[in-house]
Amino acid sequence: MADQPLQAHFVAEPIVLPDGRRIGVSAYPDGSIRFRVDGLPYVLTEVCLSGDPDKDKDKAIVKLSPGKQGSNAAYNYVEELEKRSRRQGA
């Protein structure tokens, strides 16, 4: 029998950002954590999963960006914001 997906044992209330995007966090019994973010697309711009002995050695960091580093995601994000703005102004 195939493994069944784990049910989250903790789901935080979504965080609503000033522009309306929402961030959700869930924790699972196996120790895994899931992040959900509205407002795609995003680019993974920073990841530190093994820690840094010179700094916060026991912390993981994951940074997502709407692509301000020159990727196509930057254009797509700006285009999407413009579409939303036109819809709200109509």
PDB file of N, CA and C in Angstrom:
ATOM      1  N   MET A   1       0.838  -1.180   0.000  1.00  0.00           N
ATOM      2  CA  MET A   1       0.000   0.000   0.000  1.00  0.00           C
ATOM      3  C   MET A   1       0.883   1.243   0.000  1.00  0.00           C
ATOM      4  N   ALA A   2       0.541   2.229  -0.815  1.00  0.00           N
ATOM      5  CA  ALA A   2       1.327   3.460  -0.903  1.00  0.00           C
ATOM      6  C   ALA A   2       1.179   4.266   0.384  1.00  0.00           C
ATOM      7  N   ASP A   3       2.233   5.009   0.695  1.00  0.00           N
ATOM      8  CA  ASP A   3       2.173   5.873   1.879  1.00  0.00           C
ATOM      9  C   ASP A   3       1.093   6.930   1.695  1.00  0.00           C
ATOM     10  N   GLN A   4       0.332   7.146   2.728  1.00  0.00           N
ATOM     11  CA  GLN A   4      -0.693   8.181   2.700  1.00  0.00           C
ATOM     12  C   GLN A   4      -0.057   9.507   3.110  1.00  0.00           C
ATOM     13  N   PRO A   5      -0.500  10.621   2.510  1.00  0.00           N
ATOM     14  CA  PRO A   5       0.049  11.911   2.928  1.00  0.00           C
ATOM     15  C   PRO A   5      -0.297  12.187   4.390  1.00  0.00           C
ATOM     16  N   LEU A   6       0.628  12.802   5.077  1.00  0.00           N
ATOM     17  CA  LEU A   6       0.410  13.134   6.481  1.00  0.00           C
ATOM     18  C   LEU A   6      -0.580  14.277   6.622  1.00  0.00           C
ATOM     19  N   GLN A   7      -1.406  14.208   7.654  1.00  0.00           N
ATOM     20  CA  GLN A   7      -2.280  15.314   8.001  1.00  0.00           C
ATOM     21  C   GLN A   7      -1.485  16.305   8.836  1.00  0.00           C
ATOM     22  N   ALA A   8      -1.632  17.572   8.549  1.00  0.00           N
ATOM     23  CA  ALA A   8      -0.962  18.596   9.350  1.00  0.00           C
ATOM     24  C   ALA A   8      -1.507  18.539  10.772  1.00  0.00           C
ATOM     25  N   HIS A   9      -0.617  18.610  11.740  1.00  0.00           N
ATOM     26  CA  HIS A   9      -1.094  18.648  13.124  1.00  0.00           C
ATOM     27  C   HIS A   9      -1.103  20.070  13.654  1.00  0.00           C
ATOM     28  N   PHE A  10      -0.592  21.015  12.864  1.00  0.00           N
ATOM     29  CA  PHE A  10      -0.660  22.425  13.224  1.00  0.00           C
ATOM     30  C   PHE A  10      -0.757  23.250  11.948  1.00  0.00           C
ATOM     31  N   VAL A  11      -1.742  24.124  11.875  1.00  0.00           N
ATOM     32  CA  VAL A  11      -1.893  25.038  10.740  1.00  0.00           C
ATOM     33  C   VAL A  11      -2.066  26.432  11.327  1.00  0.00           C
ATOM     34  N   ALA A  12      -1.113  27.306  11.045  1.00  0.00           N
ATOM     35  CA  ALA A  12      -1.168  28.673  11.578  1.00  0.00           C
ATOM     36  C   ALA A  12      -2.193  29.498  10.812  1.00  0.00           C
ATOM     37  N   GLU A  13      -2.732  30.497  11.493  1.00  0.00           N
ATOM     38  CA  GLU A  13      -3.606  31.448  10.815  1.00  0.00           C
ATOM     39  C   GLU A  13      -2.798  32.128   9.710  1.00  0.00           C
ATOM     40  N   PRO A  14      -3.381  32.335   8.540  1.00  0.00           N
ATOM     41  CA  PRO A  14      -2.628  32.988   7.460  1.00  0.00           C
ATOM     42  C   PRO A  14      -2.194  34.402   7.848  1.00  0.00           C
ATOM     43  N   ILE A  15      -1.025  34.770   7.382  1.00  0.00           N
ATOM     44  CA  ILE A  15      -0.523  36.132   7.535  1.00  0.00           C
ATOM     45  C   ILE A  15      -0.915  36.878   6.270  1.00  0.00           C
ATOM     46  N   VAL A  16      -1.575  38.021   6.413  1.00  0.00           N
ATOM     47  CA  VAL A  16      -1.976  38.820   5.258  1.00  0.00           C
ATOM     48  C   VAL A  16      -0.996  39.982   5.125  1.00  0.00           C
ATOM     49  N   LEU A  17      -0.312  40.037   3.989  1.00  0.00           N
ATOM     50  CA  LEU A  17       0.654  41.098   3.730  1.00  0.00           C
ATOM     51  C   LEU A  17      -0.064  42.368   3.292  1.00  0.00           C
ATOM     52  N   PRO A  18       0.597  43.530   3.363  1.00  0.00           N
ATOM     53  CA  PRO A  18      -0.054  44.789   3.003  1.00  0.00           C
ATOM     54  C   PRO A  18      -0.669  44.810   1.595  1.00  0.00           C
ATOM     55  N   ASP A  19      -0.092  44.051   0.658  1.00  0.00           N
ATOM     56  CA  ASP A  19      -0.641  44.051  -0.707  1.00  0.00           C
ATOM     57  C   ASP A  19      -1.718  42.985  -0.906  1.00  0.00           C
ATOM     58  N   GLY A  20      -2.113  42.292   0.165  1.00  0.00           N
ATOM     59  CA  GLY A  20      -3.183  41.313   0.091  1.00  0.00           C
ATOM     60  C   GLY A  20      -2.741  39.869  -0.072  1.00  0.00           C
ATOM     61  N   ARG A  21      -1.457  39.644  -0.378  1.00  0.00           N
ATOM     62  CA  ARG A  21      -0.978  38.260  -0.474  1.00  0.00           C
ATOM     63  C   ARG A  21      -1.064  37.612   0.895  1.00  0.00           C
ATOM     64  N   ARG A  22      -1.226  36.280   0.892  1.00  0.00           N
ATOM     65  CA  ARG A  22      -1.358  35.540   2.144  1.00  0.00           C
ATOM     66  C   ARG A  22      -0.261  34.492   2.229  1.00  0.00           C
ATOM     67  N   ILE A  23       0.250  34.291   3.442  1.00  0.00           N
ATOM     68  CA  ILE A  23       1.277  33.297   3.717  1.00  0.00           C
ATOM     69  C   ILE A  23       0.713  32.336   4.752  1.00  0.00           C
ATOM     70  N   GLY A  24       0.829  31.048   4.482  1.00  0.00           N
ATOM     71  CA  GLY A  24       0.364  30.031   5.421  1.00  0.00           C
ATOM     72  C   GLY A  24       1.500  29.098   5.806  1.00  0.00           C
ATOM     73  N   VAL A  25       1.439  28.577   7.013  1.00  0.00           N
ATOM     74  CA  VAL A  25       2.449  27.645   7.511  1.00  0.00           C
ATOM     75  C   VAL A  25       1.735  26.463   8.166  1.00  0.00           C
ATOM     76  N   SER A  26       2.185  25.260   7.813  1.00  0.00           N
ATOM     77  CA  SER A  26       1.659  24.035   8.423  1.00  0.00           C
ATOM     78  C   SER A  26       2.825  23.204   8.933  1.00  0.00           C
ATOM     79  N   ALA A  27       2.608  22.484  10.018  1.00  0.00           N
ATOM     80  CA  ALA A  27       3.619  21.578  10.565  1.00  0.00           C
ATOM     81  C   ALA A  27       3.030  20.174  10.594  1.00  0.00           C
ATOM     82  N   TYR A  28       3.887  19.183  10.371  1.00  0.00           N
ATOM     83  CA  TYR A  28       3.458  17.798  10.252  1.00  0.00           C
ATOM     84  C   TYR A  28       4.134  16.927  11.305  1.00  0.00           C
ATOM     85  N   PRO A  29       3.501  15.798  11.649  1.00  0.00           N
ATOM     86  CA  PRO A  29       4.039  14.922  12.687  1.00  0.00           C
ATOM     87  C   PRO A  29       5.448  14.402  12.401  1.00  0.00           C
ATOM     88  N   ASP A  30       5.840  14.327  11.134  1.00  0.00           N
ATOM     89  CA  ASP A  30       7.186  13.830  10.809  1.00  0.00           C
ATOM     90  C   ASP A  30       8.257  14.909  10.944  1.00  0.00           C
ATOM     91  N   GLY A  31       7.855  16.122  11.392  1.00  0.00           N
ATOM     92  CA  GLY A  31       8.805  17.215  11.572  1.00  0.00           C
ATOM     93  C   GLY A  31       8.891  18.153  10.378  1.00  0.00           C
ATOM     94  N   SER A  32       8.225  17.826   9.274  1.00  0.00           N
ATOM     95  CA  SER A  32       8.286  18.691   8.092  1.00  0.00           C
ATOM     96  C   SER A  32       7.402  19.915   8.276  1.00  0.00           C
ATOM     97  N   ILE A  33       7.715  20.944   7.503  1.00  0.00           N
ATOM     98  CA  ILE A  33       6.991  22.214   7.547  1.00  0.00           C
ATOM     99  C   ILE A  33       6.651  22.588   6.112  1.00  0.00           C
ATOM    100  N   ARG A  34       5.448  23.095   5.896  1.00  0.00           N
ATOM    101  CA  ARG A  34       5.025  23.541   4.567  1.00  0.00           C
ATOM    102  C   ARG A  34       4.656  25.014   4.624  1.00  0.00           C
ATOM    103  N   PHE A  35       5.142  25.762   3.617  1.00  0.00           N
ATOM    104  CA  PHE A  35       4.811  27.180   3.468  1.00  0.00           C
ATOM    105  C   PHE A  35       3.983  27.346   2.205  1.00  0.00           C
ATOM    106  N   ARG A  36       2.924  28.108   2.290  1.00  0.00           N
ATOM    107  CA  ARG A  36       2.096  28.416   1.135  1.00  0.00           C
ATOM    108  C   ARG A  36       2.072  29.927   0.967  1.00  0.00           C
ATOM    109  N   VAL A  37       2.307  30.392  -0.261  1.00  0.00           N
ATOM    110  CA  VAL A  37       2.371  31.826  -0.516  1.00  0.00           C
ATOM    111  C   VAL A  37       1.529  32.156  -1.736  1.00  0.00           C
ATOM    112  N   ASP A  38       0.636  33.143  -1.615  1.00  0.00           N
ATOM    113  CA  ASP A  38      -0.142  33.636  -2.752  1.00  0.00           C
ATOM    114  C   ASP A  38       0.706  34.594  -3.573  1.00  0.00           C
ATOM    115  N   GLY A  39       0.275  34.866  -4.785  1.00  0.00           N
ATOM    116  CA  GLY A  39       0.897  35.904  -5.600  1.00  0.00           C
ATOM    117  C   GLY A  39       2.022  35.420  -6.469  1.00  0.00           C
ATOM    118  N   LEU A  40       1.875  34.254  -7.060  1.00  0.00           N
ATOM    119  CA  LEU A  40       2.924  33.718  -7.925  1.00  0.00           C
ATOM    120  C   LEU A  40       3.161  34.630  -9.120  1.00  0.00           C
ATOM    121  N   PRO A  41       4.297  34.605  -9.734  1.00  0.00           N
ATOM    122  CA  PRO A  41       5.417  33.677  -9.544  1.00  0.00           C
ATOM    123  C   PRO A  41       6.435  34.199  -8.545  1.00  0.00           C
ATOM    124  N   TYR A  42       7.218  33.283  -8.015  1.00  0.00           N
ATOM    125  CA  TYR A  42       8.311  33.598  -7.104  1.00  0.00           C
ATOM    126  C   TYR A  42       9.580  32.921  -7.583  1.00  0.00           C
ATOM    127  N   VAL A  43      10.695  33.449  -7.125  1.00  0.00           N
ATOM    128  CA  VAL A  43      12.010  32.880  -7.395  1.00  0.00           C
ATOM    129  C   VAL A  43      12.654  32.589  -6.047  1.00  0.00           C
ATOM    130  N   LEU A  44      13.243  31.420  -5.921  1.00  0.00           N
ATOM    131  CA  LEU A  44      13.969  31.071  -4.710  1.00  0.00           C
ATOM    132  C   LEU A  44      15.289  31.824  -4.739  1.00  0.00           C
ATOM    133  N   THR A  45      15.486  32.752  -3.801  1.00  0.00           N
ATOM    134  CA  THR A  45      16.673  33.603  -3.835  1.00  0.00           C
ATOM    135  C   THR A  45      17.668  33.324  -2.715  1.00  0.00           C
ATOM    136  N   GLU A  46      17.242  32.626  -1.674  1.00  0.00           N
ATOM    137  CA  GLU A  46      18.169  32.297  -0.592  1.00  0.00           C
ATOM    138  C   GLU A  46      17.677  31.053   0.128  1.00  0.00           C
ATOM    139  N   VAL A  47      18.585  30.133   0.367  1.00  0.00           N
ATOM    140  CA  VAL A  47      18.260  28.935   1.135  1.00  0.00           C
ATOM    141  C   VAL A  47      19.459  28.589   1.998  1.00  0.00           C
ATOM    142  N   CYS A  48      19.220  28.414   3.278  1.00  0.00           N
ATOM    143  CA  CYS A  48      20.255  27.951   4.202  1.00  0.00           C
ATOM    144  C   CYS A  48      19.575  26.900   5.079  1.00  0.00           C
ATOM    145  N   LEU A  49      19.783  25.638   4.725  1.00  0.00           N
ATOM    146  CA  LEU A  49      19.092  24.562   5.431  1.00  0.00           C
ATOM    147  C   LEU A  49      19.972  23.815   6.409  1.00  0.00           C
ATOM    148  N   SER A  50      21.283  23.950   6.273  1.00  0.00           N
ATOM    149  CA  SER A  50      22.177  23.214   7.165  1.00  0.00           C
ATOM    150  C   SER A  50      22.723  24.085   8.287  1.00  0.00           C
ATOM    151  N   GLY A  51      22.353  25.337   8.317  1.00  0.00           N
ATOM    152  CA  GLY A  51      22.796  26.225   9.375  1.00  0.00           C
ATOM    153  C   GLY A  51      24.167  26.814   9.109  1.00  0.00           C
ATOM    154  N   ASP A  52      24.541  27.781   9.920  1.00  0.00           N
ATOM    155  CA  ASP A  52      25.825  28.460   9.819  1.00  0.00           C
ATOM    156  C   ASP A  52      26.441  28.494  11.204  1.00  0.00           C
ATOM    157  N   PRO A  53      27.562  27.782  11.408  1.00  0.00           N
ATOM    158  CA  PRO A  53      28.147  27.724  12.748  1.00  0.00           C
ATOM    159  C   PRO A  53      28.590  29.082  13.288  1.00  0.00           C
ATOM    160  N   ASP A  54      28.819  30.066  12.410  1.00  0.00           N
ATOM    161  CA  ASP A  54      29.246  31.387  12.861  1.00  0.00           C
ATOM    162  C   ASP A  54      28.075  32.281  13.245  1.00  0.00           C
ATOM    163  N   LYS A  55      26.879  31.883  12.872  1.00  0.00           N
ATOM    164  CA  LYS A  55      25.702  32.726  13.153  1.00  0.00           C
ATOM    165  C   LYS A  55      24.660  31.898  13.876  1.00  0.00           C
ATOM    166  N   ASP A  56      23.453  31.921  13.367  1.00  0.00           N
ATOM    167  CA  ASP A  56      22.355  31.154  13.971  1.00  0.00           C
ATOM    168  C   ASP A  56      22.415  29.734  13.451  1.00  0.00           C
ATOM    169  N   LYS A  57      23.266  28.931  14.046  1.00  0.00           N
ATOM    170  CA  LYS A  57      23.579  27.610  13.509  1.00  0.00           C
ATOM    171  C   LYS A  57      22.398  26.659  13.446  1.00  0.00           C
ATOM    172  N   ASP A  58      21.369  26.892  14.233  1.00  0.00           N
ATOM    173  CA  ASP A  58      20.258  25.942  14.252  1.00  0.00           C
ATOM    174  C   ASP A  58      19.004  26.472  13.570  1.00  0.00           C
ATOM    175  N   LYS A  59      19.155  27.463  12.684  1.00  0.00           N
ATOM    176  CA  LYS A  59      18.000  28.046  12.010  1.00  0.00           C
ATOM    177  C   LYS A  59      18.073  27.812  10.509  1.00  0.00           C
ATOM    178  N   ALA A  60      16.941  27.512   9.922  1.00  0.00           N
ATOM    179  CA  ALA A  60      16.841  27.380   8.474  1.00  0.00           C
ATOM    180  C   ALA A  60      16.230  28.656   7.911  1.00  0.00           C
ATOM    181  N   ILE A  61      16.687  29.059   6.741  1.00  0.00           N
ATOM    182  CA  ILE A  61      16.191  30.265   6.087  1.00  0.00           C
ATOM    183  C   ILE A  61      15.800  29.913   4.660  1.00  0.00           C
ATOM    184  N   VAL A  62      14.620  30.343   4.248  1.00  0.00           N
ATOM    185  CA  VAL A  62      14.180  30.213   2.862  1.00  0.00           C
ATOM    186  C   VAL A  62      13.625  31.569   2.465  1.00  0.00           C
ATOM    187  N   LYS A  63      14.176  32.159   1.408  1.00  0.00           N
ATOM    188  CA  LYS A  63      13.727  33.471   0.947  1.00  0.00           C
ATOM    189  C   LYS A  63      13.188  33.345  -0.469  1.00  0.00           C
ATOM    190  N   LEU A  64      11.964  33.858  -0.668  1.00  0.00           N
ATOM    191  CA  LEU A  64      11.349  33.908  -1.983  1.00  0.00           C
ATOM    192  C   LEU A  64      11.243  35.359  -2.412  1.00  0.00           C
ATOM    193  N   SER A  65      11.458  35.609  -3.680  1.00  0.00           N
ATOM    194  CA  SER A  65      11.386  36.959  -4.210  1.00  0.00           C
ATOM    195  C   SER A  65      10.481  36.964  -5.431  1.00  0.00           C
ATOM    196  N   PRO A  66       9.783  38.076  -5.688  1.00  0.00           N
ATOM    197  CA  PRO A  66       9.006  38.143  -6.914  1.00  0.00           C
ATOM    198  C   PRO A  66       9.898  38.337  -8.136  1.00  0.00           C
ATOM    199  N   GLY A  67      11.167  38.074  -8.012  1.00  0.00           N
ATOM    200  CA  GLY A  67      12.059  38.044  -9.158  1.00  0.00           C
ATOM    201  C   GLY A  67      12.812  39.320  -9.435  1.00  0.00           C
ATOM    202  N   LYS A  68      13.103  40.095  -8.440  1.00  0.00           N
ATOM    203  CA  LYS A  68      13.791  41.365  -8.644  1.00  0.00           C
ATOM    204  C   LYS A  68      15.248  41.211  -9.063  1.00  0.00           C
ATOM    205  N   GLN A  69      15.703  39.977  -9.199  1.00  0.00           N
ATOM    206  CA  GLN A  69      17.089  39.743  -9.591  1.00  0.00           C
ATOM    207  C   GLN A  69      17.226  39.597 -11.100  1.00  0.00           C
ATOM    208  N   GLY A  70      16.267  40.089 -11.879  1.00  0.00           N
ATOM    209  CA  GLY A  70      16.385  40.072 -13.323  1.00  0.00           C
ATOM    210  C   GLY A  70      15.745  38.888 -14.005  1.00  0.00           C
ATOM    211  N   SER A  71      15.046  38.044 -13.276  1.00  0.00           N
ATOM    212  CA  SER A  71      14.402  36.899 -13.898  1.00  0.00           C
ATOM    213  C   SER A  71      13.089  37.321 -14.547  1.00  0.00           C
ATOM    214  N   ASN A  72      12.510  36.430 -15.319  1.00  0.00           N
ATOM    215  CA  ASN A  72      11.209  36.692 -15.912  1.00  0.00           C
ATOM    216  C   ASN A  72      10.137  36.855 -14.852  1.00  0.00           C
ATOM    217  N   ALA A  73      10.348  36.299 -13.671  1.00  0.00           N
ATOM    218  CA  ALA A  73       9.362  36.414 -12.607  1.00  0.00           C
ATOM    219  C   ALA A  73       9.149  37.868 -12.219  1.00  0.00           C
ATOM    220  N   ALA A  74      10.183  38.703 -12.311  1.00  0.00           N
ATOM    221  CA  ALA A  74      10.037  40.117 -11.973  1.00  0.00           C
ATOM    222  C   ALA A  74       9.035  40.765 -12.918  1.00  0.00           C
ATOM    223  N   TYR A  75       9.176  40.507 -14.203  1.00  0.00           N
ATOM    224  CA  TYR A  75       8.262  41.086 -15.188  1.00  0.00           C
ATOM    225  C   TYR A  75       6.851  40.563 -14.958  1.00  0.00           C
ATOM    226  N   ASN A  76       6.727  39.258 -14.760  1.00  0.00           N
ATOM    227  CA  ASN A  76       5.404  38.664 -14.551  1.00  0.00           C
ATOM    228  C   ASN A  76       4.728  39.239 -13.314  1.00  0.00           C
ATOM    229  N   TYR A  77       5.502  39.467 -12.251  1.00  0.00           N
ATOM    230  CA  TYR A  77       4.938  40.005 -11.015  1.00  0.00           C
ATOM    231  C   TYR A  77       4.441  41.438 -11.233  1.00  0.00           C
ATOM    232  N   VAL A  78       5.252  42.257 -11.876  1.00  0.00           N
ATOM    233  CA  VAL A  78       4.855  43.648 -12.152  1.00  0.00           C
ATOM    234  C   VAL A  78       3.633  43.667 -13.054  1.00  0.00           C
ATOM    235  N   GLU A  79       3.621  42.810 -14.074  1.00  0.00           N
ATOM    236  CA  GLU A  79       2.479  42.727 -14.980  1.00  0.00           C
ATOM    237  C   GLU A  79       1.210  42.334 -14.221  1.00  0.00           C
ATOM    238  N   GLU A  80       1.325  41.374 -13.329  1.00  0.00           N
ATOM    239  CA  GLU A  80       0.166  40.945 -12.544  1.00  0.00           C
ATOM    240  C   GLU A  80      -0.332  42.069 -11.640  1.00  0.00           C
ATOM    241  N   LEU A  81       0.568  42.813 -11.008  1.00  0.00           N
ATOM    242  CA  LEU A  81       0.154  43.942 -10.170  1.00  0.00           C
ATOM    243  C   LEU A  81      -0.582  44.992 -10.992  1.00  0.00           C
ATOM    244  N   GLU A  82      -0.092  45.249 -12.215  1.00  0.00           N
ATOM    245  CA  GLU A  82      -0.758  46.214 -13.093  1.00  0.00           C
ATOM    246  C   GLU A  82      -2.161  45.736 -13.468  1.00  0.00           C
ATOM    247  N   LYS A  83      -2.312  44.437 -13.754  1.00  0.00           N
ATOM    248  CA  LYS A  83      -3.636  43.891 -14.077  1.00  0.00           C
ATOM    249  C   LYS A  83      -4.592  44.057 -12.900  1.00  0.00           C
ATOM    250  N   ARG A  84      -4.104  43.752 -11.701  1.00  0.00           N
ATOM    251  CA  ARG A  84      -4.947  43.888 -10.510  1.00  0.00           C
ATOM    252  C   ARG A  84      -5.369  45.334 -10.320  1.00  0.00           C
ATOM    253  N   SER A  85      -4.435  46.245 -10.538  1.00  0.00           N
ATOM    254  CA  SER A  85      -4.708  47.659 -10.359  1.00  0.00           C
ATOM    255  C   SER A  85      -5.770  48.122 -11.363  1.00  0.00           C
ATOM    256  N   ARG A  86      -5.660  47.680 -12.612  1.00  0.00           N
ATOM    257  CA  ARG A  86      -6.656  48.054 -13.632  1.00  0.00           C
ATOM    258  C   ARG A  86      -8.029  47.503 -13.269  1.00  0.00           C
ATOM    259  N   ARG A  87      -8.089  46.262 -12.752  1.00  0.00           N
ATOM    260  CA  ARG A  87      -9.373  45.655 -12.382  1.00  0.00           C
ATOM    261  C   ARG A  87     -10.032  46.437 -11.238  1.00  0.00           C
ATOM    262  N   GLN A  88      -9.210  46.843 -10.272  1.00  0.00           N
ATOM    263  CA  GLN A  88      -9.753  47.557  -9.117  1.00  0.00           C
ATOM    264  C   GLN A  88     -10.199  48.973  -9.498  1.00  0.00           C
ATOM    265  N   GLY A  89      -9.531  49.572 -10.479  1.00  0.00           N
ATOM    266  CA  GLY A  89      -9.867  50.928 -10.892  1.00  0.00           C
ATOM    267  C   GLY A  89     -11.014  50.992 -11.869  1.00  0.00           C
ATOM    268  N   ALA A  90     -11.386  49.847 -12.424  1.00  0.00           N
ATOM    269  CA  ALA A  90     -12.467  49.840 -13.439  1.00  0.00           C
ATOM    270  C   ALA A  90     -13.841  49.937 -12.830  1.00  0.00           C
TER     271      ALA A  90
END
